[in-house]
Amino acid sequence: MFNMRHWLVLWEQAVFRRMHLLYDVGEAKRVAKQFSRQKLKLFAYIAGAGLVLYVLSGFQVALLFILALVLGLLPMAALKSLDQRIAHYRRAIRLELPLVLSKLTLLLEAGETLRKALAKCSKQEETANRNQPVLRAVIQEAHYRMDKGASFTEAMEWLTRRCAVQEISLFVHTLMLHHRRGGPELAHSLQTLSVKMWEERKLLARTLGEEASSKLLFPMMMIFIAVLLIVGAPAVMMMQGGDIG
């Protein structure tokens, strides 16, 4: 038996699980509710418009099946869009991590303490690039939490949960292992990790390039087919005209 309330609860839970990977807990609840309301309104509008068309069409059964299909795919498409945002968020962190590691290593080798070095790494430079530095913003929030009284361990654990990326877990583990001792040993460990992260960044950039090339393949094929039709259609029409004559 269909239970609308049960499905709404499952929908809200699925949305919150995904928002929790993109936002902090308090903000995730707010954004998840807002997202759910927007999609439910869209669902209601489409259902209402579809029923009106169904009545105006003289109760065509095919139109009813199409409406049911669209309404069934709409929640899946909404969750798919959130999954793509999560993938983009994690990819941005992986791409930014080597830059943060390089700067952090240089600051530690210059004699900065770990906490001050993290504060300087979290500063966001004014650039023409519209892409916001995701990882530096999270590090800045972790540093703000330390200023508000959280311990270094608590702030780093929050950083790990907030990013939910394996590379960040390795980065935080390295910091936790050496942050009390500091000195050259920490800088050396971060330098080794930085080399590894740069190699992974190159592989990720190569993969993104291949994905971009594959996405361009279909439009290029469509353009090629359109050119063939434009060039070949007059020739075919002339041949048909000659045969008729």
Foldseek 3Di string as FASTA:
>chain_A
DDDPVVVLVVLLVLQLVLLVQVDPNVVSNVVSVVLSVVLVVVLVVLVVVLVVVCVVVVNDVVSVVVSVVVSVCSSVVSSVVSVVVSVVLLLLCLLCVLVLLVQLLVCLVVPDANLVSLCVSLDDDDDPDPDGNNLSVLSNVLSVVVVVPDDNVVSLVVSCSNNVHPLSVVVSVLCVVCNVPRDPVSSVVSVVSSVVSVVVSVVSVVVVVVVVVVVVPVVVVVVVVVVCCVVVVVVVVVVVVVVVD
